[in-house]
Amino acid sequence: MPQPITITRTDATTHGAYRITLEGVGHPAELTWHALGPLRVADHTFVPPEMRGRGVAQLLVEALIADAREQGFRIVPQCSYVAAQFRRHPEWADLLAEPES
């Protein structure tokens, strides 16, 4: 029977992360972000090899998207995985932000 997946959120105002830890896996999967004014820059996604192929990275991005909808922030997808997910989900376009130069 597969383990239930729980996402842990960390929010330190200027930076944060979404993490999934599974029993028997040494490192958590994570999506990290840092604040850029009112925006959140999704800067890194990592899934340990033992967790790959289970949709774990997608779950992390979906948690970020859900929080953006609930809390009203927009996302700068600096991480290539998050950027690819935005391309695959045009319904998220209202949450996509570009940093001001």
Protein backbone atom coordinates (compact mmCIF):
# COMPACT_ATOMS: atom_id res chain seq x y z
CA MET A 1 0.00 0.00 0.00
CA PRO A 2 1.45 3.42 -0.99
CA GLN A 3 2.28 5.91 1.73
CA PRO A 4 -0.02 8.91 2.07
CA ILE A 5 1.62 12.08 0.79
CA THR A 6 1.61 15.11 3.06
CA ILE A 7 2.97 18.49 2.02
CA THR A 8 4.68 20.58 4.69
CA ARG A 9 4.77 24.33 4.11
CA THR A 10 7.43 26.65 5.53
CA ASP A 11 6.93 30.41 5.23
CA ALA A 12 9.52 32.77 6.69
CA THR A 13 8.11 35.91 4.98
CA THR A 14 11.15 36.40 2.71
CA HIS A 15 11.50 32.76 1.68
CA GLY A 16 9.87 29.40 2.10
CA ALA A 17 9.41 25.87 0.86
CA TYR A 18 6.97 23.08 0.19
CA ARG A 19 8.29 19.65 1.18
CA ILE A 20 7.22 16.04 0.93
CA THR A 21 8.96 13.44 3.06
CA LEU A 22 8.44 9.73 2.57
CA GLU A 23 9.54 6.98 4.93
CA GLY A 24 12.75 5.32 3.82
CA VAL A 25 13.84 8.25 1.64
CA GLY A 26 16.77 10.22 3.04
CA HIS A 27 15.91 13.64 1.62
CA PRO A 28 12.55 15.35 1.11
CA ALA A 29 11.24 16.50 -2.23
CA GLU A 30 11.03 20.27 -2.19
CA LEU A 31 10.03 23.39 -4.03
CA THR A 32 11.66 26.54 -2.67
CA TRP A 33 10.77 30.18 -3.20
CA HIS A 34 11.91 33.63 -2.18
CA ALA A 35 9.95 36.85 -2.03
CA LEU A 36 10.40 39.63 -4.54
CA GLY A 37 8.12 42.36 -3.22
CA PRO A 38 4.59 40.95 -3.47
CA LEU A 39 5.75 38.14 -5.78
CA ARG A 40 7.08 34.69 -4.97
CA VAL A 41 9.96 33.49 -7.10
CA ALA A 42 9.83 29.69 -7.41
CA ASP A 43 13.57 29.10 -7.65
CA HIS A 44 14.19 25.40 -7.15
CA THR A 45 12.41 22.05 -7.34
CA PHE A 46 14.08 18.79 -6.32
CA VAL A 47 12.72 15.26 -6.09
CA PRO A 48 15.01 12.47 -4.82
CA PRO A 49 15.46 9.62 -7.32
CA GLU A 50 13.53 7.22 -5.04
CA MET A 51 10.44 9.47 -5.28
CA ARG A 52 10.51 10.21 -9.01
CA GLY A 53 7.73 9.02 -11.28
CA ARG A 54 5.04 9.45 -8.61
CA GLY A 55 3.88 12.96 -9.49
CA VAL A 56 5.52 14.42 -6.40
CA ALA A 57 6.93 17.52 -8.13
CA GLN A 58 3.51 18.23 -9.64
CA LEU A 59 1.94 18.05 -6.17
CA LEU A 60 4.45 20.61 -4.88
CA VAL A 61 3.62 23.03 -7.71
CA GLU A 62 -0.11 22.52 -7.17
CA ALA A 63 0.33 23.42 -3.49
CA LEU A 64 2.10 26.64 -4.50
CA ILE A 65 -0.69 27.43 -6.98
CA ALA A 66 -3.37 26.77 -4.34
CA ASP A 67 -1.63 29.10 -1.89
CA ALA A 68 -1.29 31.79 -4.59
CA ARG A 69 -5.04 31.63 -5.22
CA GLU A 70 -5.87 31.67 -1.51
CA GLN A 71 -3.35 34.32 -0.43
CA GLY A 72 -3.39 36.51 -3.55
CA PHE A 73 0.26 36.44 -4.61
CA ARG A 74 1.65 35.88 -8.10
CA ILE A 75 4.51 33.60 -9.08
CA VAL A 76 7.74 34.12 -11.03
CA PRO A 77 8.72 30.64 -12.29
CA GLN A 78 12.52 30.84 -12.19
CA CYS A 79 12.79 27.06 -11.82
CA SER A 80 12.55 25.28 -15.19
CA TYR A 81 10.11 22.66 -13.84
CA VAL A 82 7.71 25.29 -12.51
CA ALA A 83 8.00 27.23 -15.79
CA ALA A 84 7.14 24.05 -17.72
CA GLN A 85 4.09 23.47 -15.52
CA PHE A 86 2.87 27.00 -16.24
CA ARG A 87 3.16 26.26 -19.98
CA ARG A 88 1.15 23.04 -19.51
CA HIS A 89 -1.56 24.77 -17.45
CA PRO A 90 -2.83 27.89 -19.23
CA GLU A 91 -5.56 28.15 -16.56
CA TRP A 92 -2.80 29.36 -14.21
CA ALA A 93 -1.89 32.33 -16.45
CA ASP A 94 -3.48 34.83 -14.04
CA LEU A 95 -0.90 33.79 -11.41
CA LEU A 96 2.12 34.18 -13.70
CA ALA A 97 4.30 37.21 -13.01
CA GLU A 98 7.42 38.68 -14.52
CA PRO A 99 9.81 40.51 -12.21
CA GLU A 100 10.17 44.22 -12.89
CA SER A 101 13.58 45.06 -14.24
